[in-house]
C-alpha atoms as a PDB file:
ATOM      1  CA  MET A   1     -13.314 -26.620  -1.347  1.00  0.00           C
ATOM      2  CA  ALA A   2     -11.844 -23.186  -1.941  1.00  0.00           C
ATOM      3  CA  LYS A   3     -10.999 -21.054   1.047  1.00  0.00           C
ATOM      4  CA  ALA A   4     -13.286 -18.117   1.848  1.00  0.00           C
ATOM      5  CA  THR A   5     -10.292 -15.814   1.782  1.00  0.00           C
ATOM      6  CA  GLN A   6      -6.890 -15.782   0.133  1.00  0.00           C
ATOM      7  CA  ARG A   7      -3.635 -14.166   1.176  1.00  0.00           C
ATOM      8  CA  PRO A   8      -3.402 -10.925  -0.788  1.00  0.00           C
ATOM      9  CA  LEU A   9       0.039  -9.738  -1.856  1.00  0.00           C
ATOM     10  CA  VAL A  10       0.794  -6.404  -0.171  1.00  0.00           C
ATOM     11  CA  GLU A  11       3.857  -4.478  -1.332  1.00  0.00           C
ATOM     12  CA  ILE A  12       5.201  -1.417   0.433  1.00  0.00           C
ATOM     13  CA  LEU A  13       7.575   0.406  -1.885  1.00  0.00           C
ATOM     14  CA  TYR A  14      10.032   2.819  -0.288  1.00  0.00           C
ATOM     15  CA  PHE A  15      13.487   4.299  -0.551  1.00  0.00           C
ATOM     16  CA  ASP A  16      16.070   4.664   2.208  1.00  0.00           C
ATOM     17  CA  GLY A  17      15.921   8.483   2.275  1.00  0.00           C
ATOM     18  CA  CYS A  18      12.338   8.569   3.565  1.00  0.00           C
ATOM     19  CA  PRO A  19      11.333   7.017   6.922  1.00  0.00           C
ATOM     20  CA  ASN A  20       7.556   6.953   6.304  1.00  0.00           C
ATOM     21  CA  HIS A  21       7.406   3.314   5.192  1.00  0.00           C
ATOM     22  CA  GLU A  22       7.741   2.024   8.768  1.00  0.00           C
ATOM     23  CA  ALA A  23       4.429   3.654   9.783  1.00  0.00           C
ATOM     24  CA  ALA A  24       2.865   2.247   6.600  1.00  0.00           C
ATOM     25  CA  ARG A  25       4.079  -1.259   7.505  1.00  0.00           C
ATOM     26  CA  GLN A  26       2.624  -0.901  11.001  1.00  0.00           C
ATOM     27  CA  MET A  27      -0.708   0.260   9.565  1.00  0.00           C
ATOM     28  CA  VAL A  28      -0.835  -2.697   7.146  1.00  0.00           C
ATOM     29  CA  GLU A  29      -0.087  -5.139   9.949  1.00  0.00           C
ATOM     30  CA  ARG A  30      -2.669  -3.581  12.321  1.00  0.00           C
ATOM     31  CA  VAL A  31      -5.483  -3.359   9.748  1.00  0.00           C
ATOM     32  CA  SER A  32      -4.730  -6.905   8.570  1.00  0.00           C
ATOM     33  CA  ARG A  33      -5.077  -8.189  12.147  1.00  0.00           C
ATOM     34  CA  GLU A  34      -8.356  -6.275  12.576  1.00  0.00           C
ATOM     35  CA  LEU A  35      -9.685  -7.885   9.376  1.00  0.00           C
ATOM     36  CA  GLU A  36      -8.289 -11.276  10.439  1.00  0.00           C
ATOM     37  CA  LEU A  37      -6.159 -11.468   7.301  1.00  0.00           C
ATOM     38  CA  ASP A  38      -2.637 -12.731   6.865  1.00  0.00           C
ATOM     39  CA  PRO A  39      -1.371 -10.962   3.731  1.00  0.00           C
ATOM     40  CA  GLU A  40       1.890 -11.796   2.042  1.00  0.00           C
ATOM     41  CA  LEU A  41       3.808  -8.622   2.912  1.00  0.00           C
ATOM     42  CA  HIS A  42       6.822  -7.524   0.857  1.00  0.00           C
ATOM     43  CA  LEU A  43       8.943  -4.444   1.528  1.00  0.00           C
ATOM     44  CA  VAL A  44      10.381  -3.256  -1.791  1.00  0.00           C
ATOM     45  CA  ASN A  45      13.391  -0.940  -1.603  1.00  0.00           C
ATOM     46  CA  VAL A  46      13.600   1.364  -4.631  1.00  0.00           C
ATOM     47  CA  PRO A  47      17.340   2.142  -4.905  1.00  0.00           C
ATOM     48  CA  ASP A  48      17.507   4.681  -7.754  1.00  0.00           C
ATOM     49  CA  GLY A  49      15.620   6.809 -10.251  1.00  0.00           C
ATOM     50  CA  GLU A  50      15.782   4.215 -13.018  1.00  0.00           C
ATOM     51  CA  THR A  51      14.144   1.615 -10.771  1.00  0.00           C
ATOM     52  CA  ALA A  52      11.578   4.227  -9.696  1.00  0.00           C
ATOM     53  CA  GLN A  53      10.601   4.662 -13.363  1.00  0.00           C
ATOM     54  CA  GLN A  54      10.463   0.900 -13.990  1.00  0.00           C
ATOM     55  CA  LEU A  55       8.286   0.282 -10.913  1.00  0.00           C
ATOM     56  CA  ARG A  56       6.122   3.377 -11.506  1.00  0.00           C
ATOM     57  CA  PHE A  57       7.092   4.475  -7.997  1.00  0.00           C
ATOM     58  CA  LEU A  58       5.094   7.511  -6.865  1.00  0.00           C
ATOM     59  CA  GLY A  59       7.062   8.029  -3.667  1.00  0.00           C
ATOM     60  CA  SER A  60       7.623   6.527  -0.258  1.00  0.00           C
ATOM     61  CA  PRO A  61       5.552   4.860   0.989  1.00  0.00           C
ATOM     62  CA  THR A  62       3.562   3.382  -1.869  1.00  0.00           C
ATOM     63  CA  ILE A  63       1.235   0.560  -0.853  1.00  0.00           C
ATOM     64  CA  ARG A  64       0.057  -1.820  -3.561  1.00  0.00           C
ATOM     65  CA  ILE A  65      -2.242  -4.773  -3.079  1.00  0.00           C
ATOM     66  CA  GLU A  66      -2.134  -7.365  -5.844  1.00  0.00           C
ATOM     67  CA  GLY A  67      -0.218  -4.806  -7.911  1.00  0.00           C
ATOM     68  CA  ARG A  68      -2.788  -1.999  -7.527  1.00  0.00           C
ATOM     69  CA  ASP A  69      -2.035   1.222  -5.652  1.00  0.00           C
ATOM     70  CA  ILE A  70      -4.531   1.709  -2.811  1.00  0.00           C
ATOM     71  CA  ASP A  71      -4.826   5.449  -3.536  1.00  0.00           C
ATOM     72  CA  PRO A  72      -8.036   5.951  -5.560  1.00  0.00           C
ATOM     73  CA  ASN A  73      -6.522   9.134  -7.089  1.00  0.00           C
ATOM     74  CA  VAL A  74      -3.387   7.423  -8.410  1.00  0.00           C
ATOM     75  CA  SER A  75      -4.436   7.593 -12.064  1.00  0.00           C
ATOM     76  CA  GLU A  76      -3.889  11.359 -11.906  1.00  0.00           C
ATOM     77  CA  ARG A  77      -0.176  10.938 -11.151  1.00  0.00           C
ATOM     78  CA  GLU A  78       2.777  10.074 -13.335  1.00  0.00           C
ATOM     79  CA  GLU A  79       5.792  11.557 -11.514  1.00  0.00           C
ATOM     80  CA  TYR A  80       8.058   8.601 -10.774  1.00  0.00           C
ATOM     81  CA  ALA A  81      11.030   9.498  -8.586  1.00  0.00           C
ATOM     82  CA  LEU A  82      12.785   8.953  -5.291  1.00  0.00           C
ATOM     83  CA  SER A  83      10.731  11.197  -3.038  1.00  0.00           C
ATOM     84  CA  CYS A  84       8.588  11.077   0.064  1.00  0.00           C
ATOM     85  CA  ARG A  85       4.988  10.642  -1.000  1.00  0.00           C
ATOM     86  CA  VAL A  86       2.234  13.024   0.042  1.00  0.00           C
ATOM     87  CA  TYR A  87      -1.338  11.719   0.018  1.00  0.00           C
ATOM     88  CA  ARG A  88      -4.404  13.889  -0.469  1.00  0.00           C
ATOM     89  CA  THR A  89      -6.923  12.459   2.003  1.00  0.00           C
ATOM     90  CA  GLU A  90     -10.276  13.727   3.267  1.00  0.00           C
ATOM     91  CA  ALA A  91      -8.433  14.933   6.384  1.00  0.00           C
ATOM     92  CA  GLY A  92      -5.913  16.900   4.294  1.00  0.00           C
ATOM     93  CA  PHE A  93      -2.378  16.155   3.150  1.00  0.00           C
ATOM     94  CA  SER A  94      -0.616  13.258   4.866  1.00  0.00           C
ATOM     95  CA  SER A  95       2.568  11.188   4.667  1.00  0.00           C
ATOM     96  CA  GLN A  96       0.346   8.072   4.927  1.00  0.00           C
ATOM     97  CA  PRO A  97      -2.568   6.883   2.810  1.00  0.00           C
ATOM     98  CA  ASP A  98      -6.086   6.959   4.211  1.00  0.00           C
ATOM     99  CA  GLU A  99      -6.608   3.860   6.343  1.00  0.00           C
ATOM    100  CA  ARG A 100     -10.014   3.318   4.715  1.00  0.00           C
ATOM    101  CA  TRP A 101      -8.299   2.906   1.312  1.00  0.00           C
ATOM    102  CA  LEU A 102      -6.135   0.151   2.793  1.00  0.00           C
ATOM    103  CA  ARG A 103      -9.071  -1.555   4.503  1.00  0.00           C
ATOM    104  CA  ASP A 104     -11.212  -1.466   1.341  1.00  0.00           C
ATOM    105  CA  ALA A 105      -8.392  -2.792  -0.855  1.00  0.00           C
ATOM    106  CA  LEU A 106      -7.533  -5.615   1.565  1.00  0.00           C
ATOM    107  CA  GLN A 107     -11.161  -6.702   1.759  1.00  0.00           C
ATOM    108  CA  ARG A 108     -11.604  -6.520  -2.006  1.00  0.00           C
ATOM    109  CA  GLU A 109      -8.444  -8.468  -2.826  1.00  0.00           C
ATOM    110  CA  SER A 110      -8.815 -11.096  -0.102  1.00  0.00           C
ATOM    111  CA  GLY A 111     -12.041 -12.337  -1.598  1.00  0.00           C
ATOM    112  CA  GLY A 112     -14.176 -11.005   1.227  1.00  0.00           C
ATOM    113  CA  VAL A 113     -14.227 -11.590   4.938  1.00  0.00           C
ATOM    114  CA  ASP A 114     -16.904 -13.565   6.758  1.00  0.00           C
ATOM    115  CA  ALA A 115     -18.915 -11.408   9.163  1.00  0.00           C
ATOM    116  CA  ASP A 116     -19.345 -14.309  11.632  1.00  0.00           C
END
């Protein structure tokens, strides 16, 4: 039988000049525990502008689950560079994505979580 859930691939893209990825990692780990998920977590260091272009890196931190950015407004952006990322959330501008985006993406990509 297939498992009710699968381990989603979570990537946190960052560059060394911006410290915000550590808080993003902590948020991913905390929300994953709350959802009783064990994602495959990869930290991806983006070393230079060329790599930023290749990876379509929108700034640090960028959180992708199964290759999809968790920011629902990401399609509006195409500036790929080594920079600290600013998210436009309901609460205003933030150096971290909205936790609800992360929670929704984890649930969607894990195949659902049993309510029991």
